[in-house]
Amino acid sequence: MTPAPRVAFIGLGIMGLPMARNLRAAGFSVVGHNRSPARATEFAGGGGETSDTIQGAVVGADVVALMLPDSPDVEQVLTGPDGVFGQVRPGTLVIDFSTIHPDVARAMAEEGVRVGVEVLDAPVSGGEPGAVEGSLSIMVGGSDHAFESASDVLNAVGRTIVHVGPAGAGQTVKAANQLIVAGTIELVAESMALLEASGLDVAAALQVLKGGLAGSAVLERKSGAMTRRDYAPGFRLDLHHKDLGIALDVARERGVATPLGALTAQLVAALVAQGKGNRDHSALFALVEELSGRDAD
């Protein structure tokens, strides 16, 4: 019997933990590693194998998957003194599900070629619910061969999976995604505040809005949290703050004007500056309430 492909999954946070679990459920042998031990313990509690070190996680791995917060984290994990590139055998496939700067993704792919490792940048969209359901949208940059090699892994964690171009392309598409999501959340927040201030039946209003042109995944998934003032993080504001910085940086490099994106980025930055970066990005509603002189937590 052919042994199950071995996947080292580095980064067991809000997104990474359910993704690693879905890979196990799909029949992969998964070894998880996380910087803070609590999430690794949670993975182990569900029957997963864990390692305290990157080296221990990646030894013998066919695939190394990353889900890390930012570009420096990815660079350190891949190229640091005890990093992935110095530990794995040539031919190993690295799939980076993190959201990082496209320039860094391209640099990591180039370094991978130098050491004989194929690298895909494969950022995801769908938040924690999508990670739990295995229904993420995955935008993939890299070679055709690496994309084909990754198909089983990608299908285990996502539903809409598109090869969008060479190395770095996945991160550029994700930057566009984050502009759309942030701007839509802000407009949903403003609309919710308008409905409440008008004394209307918000549930009835949302029902009809969801069925028309205003309907969107953002309206569907975030309006309930706004109604409840429940900002438990599915995707933290501080991460979206980072992502919008990437998006605006890429837009500036390409000579693209993003006036609405820049304004939304300032609103997100204001919440982060207030110490609310650990809240879900739906907390933009709280800022709208505050700016409107209404009660906000």
Foldseek 3Di string as FASTA:
>chain_A
DDAAAEEEEEACPLQRVLLQVLCVVLPHQYEYEYQDCPSVVVSVVVVHHYDPDLLVRAVVHQEYEYADQELVVVCCQDPNPRHDLVRHAANREYEYQYQYFLVSQVVSQVVCVVSRYHYKDWHWDDFSVLQNVLAIATEIAADPVSCVVCVSSNSSRHDHYDDQYHGSRRNLVVLVVLLVLLLLLLVLLLVLVVCVVVVHPSVVVLVVCCVDPNNDPSSVPLVVCLVVVNFQASPFLVSSLVSLVSSVVVCVVVVHDDVSSVVSSVLSVVCVVVVRRNTYSNCSSLVSCVVVVHDHD
